[in-house]
Amino acid sequence: MSAGEQLPEARAQNPPGQGVDHARVAPPAVQPTTGSGAAAPALQRAMEALVKAQDYLNTAADQSRGENAKVIVGISQTLRRLQREVSDVIHNVGRK
């Protein structure tokens, strides 16, 4: 299926001309496993991926100029906030 093709039910949810706001799309439901500690390894992998993304953004910022550099700085700040939130969740999961 090409990028322009959509299933009829997807078209009803996202009329033409309106993209999906990925920041507002809820993540898929995950069935909890035994205990909250079961999420810790997945959260740790998520944190590692965020750190790697930060490295890529830093490289991109070093290679960018003007408006693009400003956008990348904004993305980096958002990513750092997300890293803090994931870190807080990891810390809280460890307590339970």
N, C-alpha and C. Protein backbone atom coordinates (compact mmCIF):
# COMPACT_ATOMS: atom_id res chain seq x y z
N MET A 1 0.84 -1.17 0.00
CA MET A 1 0.00 0.00 0.00
C MET A 1 0.89 1.24 0.00
N SER A 2 0.66 2.18 -0.86
CA SER A 2 1.48 3.38 -0.94
C SER A 2 1.08 4.36 0.16
N ALA A 3 1.92 5.38 0.35
CA ALA A 3 1.67 6.36 1.40
C ALA A 3 0.36 7.10 1.19
N GLY A 4 -0.07 7.25 -0.06
CA GLY A 4 -1.29 7.97 -0.36
C GLY A 4 -2.55 7.14 -0.19
N GLU A 5 -2.40 5.83 -0.15
CA GLU A 5 -3.55 4.96 0.00
C GLU A 5 -3.84 4.74 1.47
N GLN A 6 -5.15 4.71 1.79
CA GLN A 6 -5.57 4.45 3.15
C GLN A 6 -6.76 3.52 3.12
N LEU A 7 -6.90 2.76 4.18
CA LEU A 7 -8.08 1.93 4.30
C LEU A 7 -9.28 2.84 4.56
N PRO A 8 -10.50 2.44 4.16
CA PRO A 8 -11.68 3.31 4.36
C PRO A 8 -11.86 3.77 5.80
N GLU A 9 -11.64 2.87 6.79
CA GLU A 9 -11.82 3.29 8.18
C GLU A 9 -10.78 4.31 8.60
N ALA A 10 -9.56 4.24 8.05
CA ALA A 10 -8.53 5.23 8.36
C ALA A 10 -8.90 6.58 7.77
N ARG A 11 -9.51 6.57 6.56
CA ARG A 11 -9.93 7.81 5.93
C ARG A 11 -11.00 8.49 6.74
N ALA A 12 -11.89 7.73 7.35
CA ALA A 12 -12.96 8.31 8.15
C ALA A 12 -12.39 8.99 9.39
N GLN A 13 -11.35 8.43 9.96
CA GLN A 13 -10.74 9.01 11.14
C GLN A 13 -9.88 10.22 10.80
N ASN A 14 -9.26 10.21 9.64
CA ASN A 14 -8.37 11.28 9.21
C ASN A 14 -8.79 11.76 7.83
N PRO A 15 -9.73 12.71 7.77
CA PRO A 15 -10.17 13.20 6.47
C PRO A 15 -8.99 13.77 5.68
N PRO A 16 -9.10 13.75 4.33
CA PRO A 16 -8.02 14.29 3.50
C PRO A 16 -7.65 15.71 3.95
N GLY A 17 -6.36 15.98 3.92
CA GLY A 17 -5.88 17.30 4.30
C GLY A 17 -5.56 17.41 5.78
N GLN A 18 -5.92 16.39 6.54
CA GLN A 18 -5.62 16.41 7.96
C GLN A 18 -4.70 15.24 8.29
N GLY A 19 -3.49 15.55 8.75
CA GLY A 19 -2.55 14.50 9.10
C GLY A 19 -2.81 13.99 10.50
N VAL A 20 -2.11 12.97 10.85
CA VAL A 20 -2.22 12.41 12.18
C VAL A 20 -1.26 13.16 13.09
N ASP A 21 -1.75 13.61 14.23
CA ASP A 21 -0.90 14.26 15.22
C ASP A 21 -0.31 13.17 16.08
N HIS A 22 0.91 12.72 15.73
CA HIS A 22 1.52 11.59 16.41
C HIS A 22 1.79 11.87 17.88
N ALA A 23 1.91 13.14 18.25
CA ALA A 23 2.13 13.47 19.65
C ALA A 23 0.89 13.18 20.48
N ARG A 24 -0.29 13.14 19.85
CA ARG A 24 -1.54 12.92 20.57
C ARG A 24 -2.09 11.52 20.40
N VAL A 25 -1.46 10.71 19.59
CA VAL A 25 -1.94 9.36 19.37
C VAL A 25 -1.53 8.51 20.57
N ALA A 26 -2.51 7.83 21.17
CA ALA A 26 -2.23 7.01 22.34
C ALA A 26 -1.42 5.79 21.94
N PRO A 27 -0.47 5.38 22.78
CA PRO A 27 0.29 4.18 22.47
C PRO A 27 -0.63 2.96 22.55
N PRO A 28 -0.26 1.89 21.88
CA PRO A 28 -1.10 0.70 21.94
C PRO A 28 -1.17 0.16 23.36
N ALA A 29 -2.32 -0.41 23.68
CA ALA A 29 -2.51 -0.96 25.02
C ALA A 29 -1.57 -2.15 25.22
N VAL A 30 -0.97 -2.20 26.38
CA VAL A 30 -0.06 -3.29 26.72
C VAL A 30 -0.66 -4.03 27.91
N GLN A 31 -0.72 -5.33 27.80
CA GLN A 31 -1.23 -6.12 28.90
C GLN A 31 -0.18 -6.17 30.00
N PRO A 32 -0.55 -5.82 31.24
CA PRO A 32 0.43 -5.86 32.32
C PRO A 32 0.83 -7.30 32.63
N THR A 33 2.09 -7.45 33.00
CA THR A 33 2.56 -8.77 33.41
C THR A 33 2.57 -8.79 34.93
N THR A 34 3.17 -9.78 35.50
CA THR A 34 3.16 -9.90 36.95
C THR A 34 4.03 -8.83 37.57
N GLY A 35 3.45 -7.94 38.31
CA GLY A 35 4.18 -6.92 39.04
C GLY A 35 4.64 -5.77 38.16
N SER A 36 4.79 -4.61 38.79
CA SER A 36 5.22 -3.43 38.04
C SER A 36 6.68 -3.50 37.66
N GLY A 37 7.47 -4.35 38.31
CA GLY A 37 8.88 -4.48 37.99
C GLY A 37 9.12 -5.09 36.63
N ALA A 38 8.11 -5.74 36.06
CA ALA A 38 8.26 -6.35 34.74
C ALA A 38 8.46 -5.30 33.66
N ALA A 39 8.05 -4.06 33.91
CA ALA A 39 8.19 -2.99 32.93
C ALA A 39 9.59 -2.39 32.94
N ALA A 40 10.34 -2.62 33.99
CA ALA A 40 11.65 -1.98 34.15
C ALA A 40 12.61 -2.24 32.98
N PRO A 41 12.75 -3.49 32.50
CA PRO A 41 13.67 -3.69 31.37
C PRO A 41 13.24 -2.93 30.11
N ALA A 42 11.96 -2.88 29.84
CA ALA A 42 11.48 -2.15 28.66
C ALA A 42 11.71 -0.66 28.83
N LEU A 43 11.50 -0.15 30.02
CA LEU A 43 11.74 1.26 30.28
C LEU A 43 13.23 1.60 30.15
N GLN A 44 14.07 0.68 30.59
CA GLN A 44 15.52 0.90 30.47
C GLN A 44 15.93 0.94 29.00
N ARG A 45 15.36 0.04 28.19
CA ARG A 45 15.65 0.05 26.74
C ARG A 45 15.16 1.35 26.11
N ALA A 46 14.00 1.82 26.56
CA ALA A 46 13.47 3.09 26.04
C ALA A 46 14.43 4.23 26.38
N MET A 47 14.95 4.22 27.60
CA MET A 47 15.89 5.27 28.00
C MET A 47 17.15 5.22 27.15
N GLU A 48 17.65 4.03 26.90
CA GLU A 48 18.84 3.89 26.06
C GLU A 48 18.58 4.43 24.65
N ALA A 49 17.40 4.17 24.12
CA ALA A 49 17.06 4.67 22.79
C ALA A 49 16.96 6.20 22.80
N LEU A 50 16.43 6.76 23.88
CA LEU A 50 16.34 8.22 23.98
C LEU A 50 17.72 8.85 24.05
N VAL A 51 18.64 8.22 24.76
CA VAL A 51 20.01 8.73 24.84
C VAL A 51 20.67 8.69 23.46
N LYS A 52 20.44 7.60 22.73
CA LYS A 52 20.99 7.49 21.38
C LYS A 52 20.39 8.56 20.47
N ALA A 53 19.09 8.79 20.59
CA ALA A 53 18.44 9.84 19.80
C ALA A 53 19.03 11.20 20.12
N GLN A 54 19.32 11.44 21.40
CA GLN A 54 19.93 12.71 21.80
C GLN A 54 21.29 12.89 21.14
N ASP A 55 22.07 11.82 21.06
CA ASP A 55 23.38 11.89 20.39
C ASP A 55 23.21 12.27 18.91
N TYR A 56 22.23 11.64 18.25
CA TYR A 56 21.98 11.96 16.83
C TYR A 56 21.54 13.41 16.67
N LEU A 57 20.69 13.88 17.58
CA LEU A 57 20.25 15.27 17.50
C LEU A 57 21.40 16.24 17.73
N ASN A 58 22.28 15.91 18.66
CA ASN A 58 23.45 16.76 18.90
C ASN A 58 24.32 16.85 17.65
N THR A 59 24.52 15.72 16.99
CA THR A 59 25.30 15.71 15.74
C THR A 59 24.62 16.56 14.68
N ALA A 60 23.30 16.39 14.54
CA ALA A 60 22.55 17.17 13.55
C ALA A 60 22.62 18.66 13.87
N ALA A 61 22.53 19.02 15.15
CA ALA A 61 22.60 20.43 15.54
C ALA A 61 23.95 21.02 15.19
N ASP A 62 25.01 20.23 15.38
CA ASP A 62 26.36 20.70 15.04
C ASP A 62 26.52 20.96 13.55
N GLN A 63 25.76 20.24 12.74
CA GLN A 63 25.88 20.34 11.29
C GLN A 63 24.85 21.28 10.66
N SER A 64 23.97 21.86 11.48
CA SER A 64 22.88 22.69 10.96
C SER A 64 23.14 24.16 11.24
N ARG A 65 22.40 24.97 10.50
CA ARG A 65 22.48 26.43 10.66
C ARG A 65 21.09 27.03 10.61
N GLY A 66 20.98 28.23 11.10
CA GLY A 66 19.75 29.00 10.96
C GLY A 66 18.54 28.38 11.62
N GLU A 67 17.44 28.40 10.89
CA GLU A 67 16.15 27.94 11.41
C GLU A 67 16.18 26.45 11.77
N ASN A 68 16.86 25.65 10.96
CA ASN A 68 16.95 24.21 11.25
C ASN A 68 17.63 23.96 12.59
N ALA A 69 18.67 24.71 12.88
CA ALA A 69 19.37 24.54 14.15
C ALA A 69 18.45 24.87 15.33
N LYS A 70 17.64 25.92 15.17
CA LYS A 70 16.70 26.28 16.23
C LYS A 70 15.66 25.19 16.46
N VAL A 71 15.17 24.61 15.39
CA VAL A 71 14.20 23.52 15.50
C VAL A 71 14.82 22.33 16.21
N ILE A 72 16.03 22.00 15.85
CA ILE A 72 16.72 20.85 16.46
C ILE A 72 16.95 21.10 17.95
N VAL A 73 17.30 22.32 18.32
CA VAL A 73 17.47 22.65 19.74
C VAL A 73 16.15 22.44 20.49
N GLY A 74 15.05 22.86 19.90
CA GLY A 74 13.74 22.66 20.52
C GLY A 74 13.41 21.19 20.69
N ILE A 75 13.71 20.40 19.68
CA ILE A 75 13.48 18.96 19.76
C ILE A 75 14.35 18.35 20.86
N SER A 76 15.59 18.80 20.96
CA SER A 76 16.50 18.29 21.98
C SER A 76 15.98 18.60 23.38
N GLN A 77 15.44 19.79 23.58
CA GLN A 77 14.90 20.16 24.88
C GLN A 77 13.70 19.27 25.23
N THR A 78 12.85 19.02 24.25
CA THR A 78 11.71 18.13 24.47
C THR A 78 12.18 16.72 24.80
N LEU A 79 13.20 16.27 24.11
CA LEU A 79 13.73 14.93 24.35
C LEU A 79 14.32 14.82 25.75
N ARG A 80 15.01 15.86 26.21
CA ARG A 80 15.56 15.83 27.57
C ARG A 80 14.44 15.77 28.62
N ARG A 81 13.34 16.49 28.37
CA ARG A 81 12.20 16.40 29.30
C ARG A 81 11.64 14.98 29.31
N LEU A 82 11.55 14.37 28.15
CA LEU A 82 11.06 13.00 28.06
C LEU A 82 12.00 12.03 28.78
N GLN A 83 13.30 12.25 28.65
CA GLN A 83 14.27 11.43 29.37
C GLN A 83 14.06 11.53 30.88
N ARG A 84 13.82 12.76 31.37
CA ARG A 84 13.58 12.94 32.81
C ARG A 84 12.31 12.20 33.24
N GLU A 85 11.26 12.27 32.43
CA GLU A 85 10.01 11.59 32.77
C GLU A 85 10.21 10.08 32.81
N VAL A 86 10.90 9.53 31.82
CA VAL A 86 11.15 8.08 31.79
C VAL A 86 12.01 7.70 32.99
N SER A 87 12.99 8.52 33.31
CA SER A 87 13.84 8.25 34.47
C SER A 87 13.01 8.23 35.75
N ASP A 88 12.10 9.17 35.89
CA ASP A 88 11.23 9.21 37.07
C ASP A 88 10.38 7.95 37.16
N VAL A 89 9.85 7.50 36.03
CA VAL A 89 9.03 6.29 36.02
C VAL A 89 9.88 5.08 36.40
N ILE A 90 11.09 4.98 35.85
CA ILE A 90 11.98 3.87 36.19
C ILE A 90 12.24 3.88 37.70
N HIS A 91 12.49 5.06 38.25
CA HIS A 91 12.76 5.18 39.68
C HIS A 91 11.53 4.75 40.49
N ASN A 92 10.35 5.18 40.08
CA ASN A 92 9.13 4.84 40.79
C ASN A 92 8.78 3.36 40.68
N VAL A 93 9.05 2.76 39.52
CA VAL A 93 8.79 1.33 39.35
C VAL A 93 9.70 0.53 40.26
N GLY A 94 10.91 1.00 40.45
CA GLY A 94 11.86 0.32 41.32
C GLY A 94 11.43 0.33 42.78
N ARG A 95 10.65 1.31 43.17
CA ARG A 95 10.19 1.41 44.56
C ARG A 95 9.03 0.49 44.86
N LYS A 96 8.28 0.12 43.85
CA LYS A 96 7.05 -0.66 44.09
C LYS A 96 7.30 -2.13 44.12
